[in-house]
Amino acid sequence: MTRHPGPRAPRRTASPVLLFLAALLALLPVLSVLTAPGARAADGGPAVSLSKKEAGKGGEITVSGSGWRAEALLMLLICGQSTPERGVVGGTNSCANADGRAVTTDKKGAFSKKLPVAEPPKPCPCVVHVATVTGEQALADEVFTVAGHPTADLPEQTGDGKLAVLATTRLEGDSSLLTWFGAPPARRLVFTVGNLGSAPVKDPVFEIGTAHGVYAPQWEERQWRGTVAPGAKAQIKLPVELSAGAHGDYQVSLRYGEKVLAEQPWGVGRPWGVTLFWVLLCLVVPAAVFRIGMAVVDKVRPRPAGSHRTRTPATRRRPKRRGRTGTGASRDATTAPGATTEATTNAAMTTDSTTGATTGATTDATTAVLPWFTPDSAPSENRTRPTTKGQA
């Protein structure tokens, strides 16, 4: 008996939908690993871990991190009114800044630092906030509970408020005389912002950055008190201050959130008063030391015997006066300086103009030798006197 082949049954093939579901189920373990908190470090992003999730005031926790920039300076803070999803509401005004710590990452971008537990000025929910201080901005938050600290709900979000600078920025103010001697230069950054969103912006927190040369800007938070309604604009003035003795070309940047709104150059003059002070100091101090040294030397040097007596200057000897020949030759009139010489002169015979009688009188005159007369020019009785009328 021969068997005739009958029609074969059709072979069933797997549906594409079933294949996709099977592949998805196989990838679920891998996806769970990638979405874990530790996966951010594997991707190169900054990550933070805590040794304790809850501690009271006065305690201490260890904060560890990885995936940060190599040799970056970080700031560790405990902040209230914050969550990792919304960040630190209100900026660092919500953080315990006085009890913060700074740490520098190693060459691999990792760090480990002990942080004292302190109560932030705002109620919990709280986080440990880690952010870079210089260079490219990077931050990470980790949930932390301060035991015994009050807890409150987070403030409502302001909605879709969005600020933008509407006009060019400028720096107001002028340097004082103290700035010429090295005081910190200070200005006010003036700009006009407008709310382009659909919700009001209340008490916005801006960041002011100052950069010198090729260095990265140093950011500081500045909060403006006020509300910008949707579609409205407001003029804002924020203080800007540099370090003492700063000079050169600076760049002032304004940032709101993660966006830089404006940049303004600032040329700061050199404090020439400091240079003048050092020049005068280099001249006055050596002169004063020299004068003091000379006074000391004059005080301690030995003196010859009898030098304390007052000496009179030596007098110049006058040459002796030579005697003259003839009738009525005068005596030698050379005497010591300052002494007086008595010279007896024969009085001239005078004739009375009325009677014609001749009267002879002998006059003794005392003549002082004056220092401005030379012996030859001094008056003498032997000189010929001019005749007068009526003289015999």
Protein backbone atom coordinates (compact mmCIF):
# COMPACT_ATOMS: atom_id res chain seq x y z
CA MET A 1 0.00 0.00 0.00
CA THR A 2 1.50 3.17 -1.08
CA ARG A 3 1.09 6.42 1.02
CA HIS A 4 0.27 9.48 -0.90
CA PRO A 5 1.77 12.66 0.57
CA GLY A 6 -0.89 14.99 1.84
CA PRO A 7 -0.76 18.81 2.11
CA ARG A 8 1.82 20.11 4.65
CA ALA A 9 0.74 22.32 7.57
CA PRO A 10 1.98 25.92 7.37
CA ARG A 11 5.01 26.82 9.70
CA ARG A 12 4.33 29.50 12.25
CA THR A 13 6.77 32.46 12.38
CA ALA A 14 7.39 34.76 15.42
CA SER A 15 5.63 38.11 15.37
CA PRO A 16 7.85 41.27 15.27
CA VAL A 17 6.00 42.68 18.25
CA LEU A 18 6.89 39.67 20.34
CA LEU A 19 10.55 39.99 19.35
CA PHE A 20 10.61 43.66 20.42
CA LEU A 21 9.06 42.84 23.80
CA ALA A 22 11.58 40.07 24.39
CA ALA A 23 14.47 42.39 23.60
CA LEU A 24 13.05 45.08 25.91
CA LEU A 25 12.75 42.62 28.79
CA ALA A 26 16.35 41.57 28.25
CA LEU A 27 17.52 45.21 28.43
CA LEU A 28 15.61 46.12 31.60
CA PRO A 29 18.46 45.14 33.99
CA VAL A 30 20.89 47.21 31.96
CA LEU A 31 18.58 50.23 31.96
CA SER A 32 18.11 49.99 35.73
CA VAL A 33 21.87 50.12 36.21
CA LEU A 34 22.24 53.13 33.92
CA THR A 35 19.49 55.08 35.68
CA ALA A 36 20.95 54.48 39.14
CA PRO A 37 22.39 57.51 41.00
CA GLY A 38 25.91 56.22 40.62
CA ALA A 39 25.63 56.16 36.86
CA ARG A 40 26.28 59.90 36.62
CA ALA A 41 29.86 59.41 37.73
CA ALA A 42 30.36 56.79 35.03
CA ASP A 43 29.16 59.28 32.44
CA GLY A 44 31.64 61.86 33.66
CA GLY A 45 29.13 64.18 35.39
CA PRO A 46 29.64 65.38 38.97
CA ALA A 47 28.24 63.11 41.69
CA VAL A 48 28.04 63.45 45.49
CA SER A 49 27.55 60.84 48.21
CA LEU A 50 27.13 61.24 51.99
CA SER A 51 28.23 59.02 54.85
CA LYS A 52 24.94 59.77 56.68
CA LYS A 53 21.57 60.85 55.38
CA GLU A 54 20.53 62.42 58.71
CA ALA A 55 22.42 64.03 61.58
CA GLY A 56 21.80 66.64 64.24
CA LYS A 57 23.42 69.99 64.84
CA GLY A 58 26.99 69.65 66.09
CA GLY A 59 27.54 66.34 64.33
CA GLU A 60 29.76 65.62 61.35
CA ILE A 61 29.37 63.87 58.03
CA THR A 62 31.77 62.90 55.28
CA VAL A 63 31.02 64.20 51.80
CA SER A 64 32.57 62.33 48.88
CA GLY A 65 32.41 63.15 45.19
CA SER A 66 33.60 62.00 41.79
CA GLY A 67 33.35 63.07 38.18
CA TRP A 68 34.39 66.65 38.90
CA ARG A 69 36.98 68.68 37.06
CA ALA A 70 40.54 67.85 38.05
CA GLU A 71 42.08 70.11 40.71
CA ALA A 72 38.93 72.23 40.97
CA LEU A 73 38.08 74.29 44.07
CA LEU A 74 34.67 73.29 45.48
CA MET A 75 32.45 74.72 48.20
CA LEU A 76 30.41 72.41 50.47
CA LEU A 77 27.27 73.84 52.11
CA ILE A 78 24.19 72.62 53.95
CA CYS A 79 21.22 74.47 52.47
CA GLY A 80 17.59 74.63 53.50
CA GLN A 81 14.51 75.13 51.36
CA SER A 82 16.13 73.03 48.63
CA THR A 83 15.71 69.81 46.68
CA PRO A 84 17.89 68.20 43.99
CA GLU A 85 15.07 68.75 41.47
CA ARG A 86 14.53 72.47 42.12
CA GLY A 87 17.97 73.33 43.39
CA VAL A 88 18.67 75.85 46.14
CA VAL A 89 15.69 78.21 46.25
CA GLY A 90 16.88 81.70 47.13
CA GLY A 91 20.55 81.09 46.37
CA THR A 92 23.17 80.79 49.06
CA ASN A 93 21.03 82.97 51.35
CA SER A 94 19.33 79.69 52.27
CA CYS A 95 22.63 78.01 53.26
CA ALA A 96 24.72 77.84 56.43
CA ASN A 97 27.59 79.79 54.86
CA ALA A 98 29.56 80.26 58.09
CA ASP A 99 29.94 76.47 58.54
CA GLY A 100 30.78 75.65 54.93
CA ARG A 101 33.98 73.94 53.85
CA ALA A 102 36.23 74.21 50.79
CA VAL A 103 37.98 71.29 49.12
CA THR A 104 40.14 70.77 46.05
CA THR A 105 39.63 67.73 43.86
CA ASP A 106 42.51 65.44 42.93
CA LYS A 107 43.80 64.75 39.44
CA LYS A 108 40.97 62.26 38.86
CA GLY A 109 38.25 64.72 39.90
CA ALA A 110 37.42 63.02 43.21
CA PHE A 111 37.36 64.35 46.76
CA SER A 112 36.42 63.48 50.34
CA LYS A 113 35.84 66.07 53.05
CA LYS A 114 34.31 66.18 56.52
CA LEU A 115 31.50 68.70 56.91
CA PRO A 116 30.09 69.86 60.27
CA VAL A 117 26.32 69.72 60.57
CA ALA A 118 24.74 73.16 61.05
CA GLU A 119 21.20 74.46 60.87
CA PRO A 120 20.57 76.54 57.73
CA PRO A 121 18.61 79.82 57.96
CA LYS A 122 15.71 78.28 56.00
CA PRO A 123 13.60 75.26 57.02
CA CYS A 124 14.09 71.84 55.49
CA PRO A 125 13.84 70.00 53.07
CA CYS A 126 17.63 70.33 53.03
CA VAL A 127 20.46 69.28 50.76
CA VAL A 128 24.25 69.21 50.80
CA HIS A 129 25.11 71.66 48.03
CA VAL A 130 28.44 71.23 46.24
CA ALA A 131 29.49 73.78 43.59
CA THR A 132 32.64 74.98 41.91
CA VAL A 133 34.11 78.30 43.04
CA THR A 134 36.22 79.19 40.01
CA GLY A 135 36.24 78.19 36.37
CA GLU A 136 33.38 76.44 34.59
CA GLN A 137 30.24 76.29 36.71
CA ALA A 138 29.23 72.83 37.96
CA LEU A 139 27.08 71.79 40.92
CA ALA A 140 25.40 68.82 42.55
CA ASP A 141 22.90 68.42 45.41
CA GLU A 142 22.31 65.45 47.69
CA VAL A 143 19.32 65.06 50.01
CA PHE A 144 20.16 65.48 53.69
CA THR A 145 18.05 65.86 56.84
CA VAL A 146 19.09 68.04 59.77
CA ALA A 147 17.60 66.38 62.84
CA GLY A 148 15.53 68.77 64.95
CA HIS A 149 15.41 71.48 62.28
CA PRO A 150 11.92 72.74 61.31
CA THR A 151 10.41 71.61 58.04
CA ALA A 152 8.19 73.58 55.66
CA ASP A 153 6.86 73.25 52.15
CA LEU A 154 8.83 74.74 49.31
CA PRO A 155 7.60 78.12 48.02
CA GLU A 156 5.46 78.04 44.96
CA GLN A 157 7.20 78.41 41.66
CA THR A 158 6.83 81.76 40.00
CA GLY A 159 5.79 80.13 36.73
CA ASP A 160 7.24 80.95 33.36
CA GLY A 161 8.84 84.27 34.30
CA LYS A 162 11.82 85.07 32.10
CA LEU A 163 14.11 88.09 32.39
CA ALA A 164 16.08 89.66 29.57
CA VAL A 165 18.25 92.77 29.35
CA LEU A 166 16.54 95.42 27.23
CA ALA A 167 19.21 98.15 27.13
CA THR A 168 22.96 98.42 27.26
CA THR A 169 24.55 98.15 30.68
CA ARG A 170 26.77 100.83 32.22
CA LEU A 171 28.89 101.40 35.28
CA GLU A 172 28.03 104.34 37.52
CA GLY A 173 30.16 105.98 40.18
CA ASP A 174 33.64 107.43 40.48
CA SER A 175 36.80 106.62 42.38
CA SER A 176 37.56 108.48 45.59
CA LEU A 177 40.90 109.77 46.84
CA LEU A 178 41.36 106.59 48.87
CA THR A 179 41.25 104.54 45.67
CA TRP A 180 44.32 106.46 44.51
CA PHE A 181 46.06 105.02 47.58
CA GLY A 182 44.95 101.40 47.05
CA ALA A 183 41.35 101.25 48.36
CA PRO A 184 39.05 98.75 46.57
CA PRO A 185 37.48 100.29 43.42
CA ALA A 186 33.68 100.21 43.53
CA ARG A 187 30.96 100.90 40.95
CA ARG A 188 27.28 100.18 40.37
CA LEU A 189 26.18 98.08 37.41
CA VAL A 190 23.03 99.66 35.97
CA PHE A 191 20.84 97.76 33.52
CA THR A 192 17.19 97.47 32.49
CA VAL A 193 15.45 94.10 32.41
CA GLY A 194 12.09 93.05 31.05
CA ASN A 195 9.93 90.07 31.95
CA LEU A 196 9.22 88.17 28.74
CA GLY A 197 7.32 85.37 30.49
CA SER A 198 3.75 84.91 31.61
CA ALA A 199 4.36 84.99 35.39
CA PRO A 200 5.86 87.64 37.67
CA VAL A 201 9.46 87.37 38.88
CA LYS A 202 9.88 88.24 42.56
CA ASP A 203 13.20 89.11 44.21
CA PRO A 204 15.44 87.73 41.45
CA VAL A 205 18.96 86.63 42.36
CA PHE A 206 21.63 87.73 39.88
CA GLU A 207 25.30 86.83 39.74
CA ILE A 208 28.04 89.40 39.12
CA GLY A 209 31.33 88.09 37.75
CA THR A 210 34.62 90.02 37.48
CA ALA A 211 37.41 88.70 35.26
CA HIS A 212 40.93 90.08 34.77
CA GLY A 213 42.94 89.09 31.74
CA VAL A 214 42.66 85.42 30.81
CA TYR A 215 41.38 84.35 34.22
CA ALA A 216 37.85 82.99 34.70
CA PRO A 217 35.33 85.36 36.30
CA GLN A 218 34.75 85.29 40.05
CA TRP A 219 30.99 85.10 40.61
CA GLU A 220 29.14 86.70 43.51
CA GLU A 221 25.41 86.61 44.14
CA ARG A 222 23.43 89.84 44.28
CA GLN A 223 19.71 89.82 45.09
CA TRP A 224 17.42 92.56 43.90
CA ARG A 225 14.36 93.29 46.02
CA GLY A 226 11.29 93.80 43.91
CA THR A 227 8.86 92.20 41.49
CA VAL A 228 8.88 92.38 37.71
CA ALA A 229 5.39 91.80 36.34
CA PRO A 230 4.81 90.00 33.02
CA GLY A 231 5.52 92.36 30.15
CA ALA A 232 6.95 95.02 32.49
CA LYS A 233 10.47 96.31 32.82
CA ALA A 234 12.57 97.59 35.70
CA GLN A 235 15.90 99.35 36.16
CA ILE A 236 18.26 97.45 38.45
CA LYS A 237 21.43 98.71 40.13
CA LEU A 238 23.81 96.18 41.63
CA PRO A 239 27.10 96.97 43.45
CA VAL A 240 30.39 95.80 41.96
CA GLU A 241 33.63 95.87 43.94
CA LEU A 242 37.17 94.72 43.14
CA SER A 243 39.96 93.74 45.48
CA ALA A 244 42.26 96.33 47.08
CA GLY A 245 44.98 97.64 44.77
CA ALA A 246 43.30 96.26 41.63
CA HIS A 247 44.23 97.95 38.35
CA GLY A 248 44.11 97.15 34.66
CA ASP A 249 41.38 95.96 32.29
CA TYR A 250 38.49 94.03 33.87
CA GLN A 251 35.36 92.42 32.43
CA VAL A 252 32.13 92.61 34.44
CA SER A 253 29.53 89.93 33.57
CA LEU A 254 25.87 89.65 34.58
CA ARG A 255 24.27 86.24 34.86
CA TYR A 256 20.73 85.17 35.72
CA GLY A 257 20.22 81.46 36.20
CA GLU A 258 22.50 79.71 33.72
CA LYS A 259 22.48 82.47 31.10
CA VAL A 260 24.89 85.39 30.83
CA LEU A 261 22.78 88.47 30.14
CA ALA A 262 25.40 91.17 29.60
CA GLU A 263 29.12 92.01 29.78
CA GLN A 264 30.68 95.37 30.50
CA PRO A 265 34.39 96.34 30.26
CA TRP A 266 35.96 98.28 33.12
CA GLY A 267 39.34 99.99 32.95
CA VAL A 268 40.80 100.62 36.41
CA GLY A 269 43.67 103.10 36.80
CA ARG A 270 46.85 102.33 38.69
CA PRO A 271 46.94 103.54 42.34
CA TRP A 272 49.83 105.98 41.94
CA GLY A 273 49.51 107.11 45.56
CA VAL A 274 50.94 103.76 46.66
CA THR A 275 53.91 104.20 44.32
CA LEU A 276 54.49 107.73 45.60
CA PHE A 277 54.33 106.48 49.18
CA TRP A 278 57.02 103.86 48.58
CA VAL A 279 59.26 106.35 46.77
CA LEU A 280 59.03 108.79 49.67
CA LEU A 281 59.59 105.98 52.12
CA CYS A 282 62.77 104.95 50.30
CA LEU A 283 64.05 108.55 50.52
CA VAL A 284 62.97 109.57 54.01
CA VAL A 285 63.95 106.44 55.90
CA PRO A 286 67.61 106.36 54.71
CA ALA A 287 67.95 110.11 55.42
CA ALA A 288 66.55 109.70 58.92
CA VAL A 289 68.83 106.72 59.61
CA PHE A 290 71.82 108.72 58.38
CA ARG A 291 70.99 111.67 60.65
CA ILE A 292 70.51 109.42 63.65
CA GLY A 293 73.78 107.62 62.92
CA MET A 294 75.71 110.87 62.64
CA ALA A 295 74.24 112.09 65.94
CA VAL A 296 75.29 108.87 67.66
CA VAL A 297 78.79 109.04 66.20
CA ASP A 298 79.16 112.66 67.32
CA LYS A 299 78.00 111.68 70.80
CA VAL A 300 80.33 108.73 71.35
CA ARG A 301 83.50 109.88 69.62
CA PRO A 302 86.47 110.81 71.92
CA ARG A 303 87.27 114.51 72.35
CA PRO A 304 90.74 116.09 72.99
CA ALA A 305 91.59 117.48 76.45
CA GLY A 306 90.41 121.03 77.09
CA SER A 307 88.13 121.08 74.08
CA HIS A 308 85.24 122.00 76.32
CA ARG A 309 86.67 125.46 76.94
CA THR A 310 85.62 128.30 74.76
CA ARG A 311 88.34 129.34 72.41
CA THR A 312 88.69 132.83 71.01
CA PRO A 313 89.70 133.19 67.43
CA ALA A 314 93.33 134.08 66.82
CA THR A 315 93.93 137.74 66.12
CA ARG A 316 95.99 138.98 63.32
CA ARG A 317 99.14 140.74 64.33
CA ARG A 318 99.48 144.24 63.09
CA PRO A 319 102.83 145.42 61.75
CA LYS A 320 104.70 147.90 63.89
CA ARG A 321 104.38 151.50 62.86
CA ARG A 322 107.57 153.11 61.78
CA GLY A 323 108.59 156.33 63.47
CA ARG A 324 108.70 159.57 61.51
CA THR A 325 111.53 162.07 61.59
CA GLY A 326 111.10 165.76 61.99
CA THR A 327 109.74 168.23 64.46
CA GLY A 328 107.13 166.81 66.80
CA ALA A 329 107.71 163.14 65.89
CA SER A 330 105.01 160.99 67.43
CA ARG A 331 105.58 158.03 69.63
CA ASP A 332 105.01 154.45 68.56
CA ALA A 333 101.26 154.01 68.48
CA THR A 334 101.22 150.25 67.92
CA THR A 335 99.35 148.56 70.74
CA ALA A 336 97.50 145.34 71.32
CA PRO A 337 94.09 144.96 69.61
CA GLY A 338 91.24 146.33 71.59
CA ALA A 339 93.49 148.37 73.87
CA THR A 340 93.36 152.20 74.06
CA THR A 341 96.30 154.47 73.38
CA GLU A 342 96.72 157.77 75.08
CA ALA A 343 98.25 160.32 72.74
CA THR A 344 99.13 163.75 74.01
CA THR A 345 98.91 166.30 71.28
CA ASN A 346 100.01 169.86 71.29
CA ALA A 347 97.03 172.05 70.92
CA ALA A 348 97.13 174.46 68.06
CA MET A 349 97.49 178.05 68.87
CA THR A 350 94.22 179.73 68.35
CA THR A 351 93.86 183.43 67.72
CA ASP A 352 91.01 185.39 69.09
CA SER A 353 89.29 187.03 66.18
CA THR A 354 88.31 190.09 68.22
CA THR A 355 91.40 190.87 70.39
CA GLY A 356 94.04 189.17 68.27
CA ALA A 357 95.37 187.47 71.39
CA THR A 358 96.88 184.14 71.01
CA THR A 359 95.84 181.49 73.51
CA GLY A 360 97.70 178.27 73.82
CA ALA A 361 95.95 175.23 75.16
CA THR A 362 97.27 171.80 75.63
CA THR A 363 94.70 169.11 75.10
CA ASP A 364 95.16 165.50 76.11
CA ALA A 365 93.09 163.36 73.74
CA THR A 366 92.57 159.65 74.03
CA THR A 367 92.36 158.02 70.67
CA ALA A 368 91.03 154.43 70.30
CA VAL A 369 92.54 152.25 67.65
CA LEU A 370 89.58 151.02 65.63
CA PRO A 371 89.80 147.66 63.84
CA TRP A 372 88.82 149.00 60.46
CA PHE A 373 91.66 151.50 60.39
CA THR A 374 95.14 150.51 59.33
CA PRO A 375 98.04 152.03 61.15
CA ASP A 376 98.88 154.26 58.21
CA SER A 377 95.33 155.55 57.79
CA ALA A 378 94.66 156.29 61.47
CA PRO A 379 94.48 159.99 62.44
CA SER A 380 97.81 161.40 63.66
CA GLU A 381 98.83 164.62 65.30
CA ASN A 382 101.81 165.03 62.92
CA ARG A 383 99.64 165.44 59.88
CA THR A 384 99.35 168.92 58.45
CA ARG A 385 96.05 170.42 59.45
CA PRO A 386 94.34 172.78 57.07
CA THR A 387 94.63 176.44 58.00
CA THR A 388 91.52 178.20 59.01
CA LYS A 389 90.62 181.80 58.93
CA GLY A 390 92.13 183.74 61.77
CA GLN A 391 94.79 181.12 62.58
CA ALA A 392 98.24 182.50 63.19
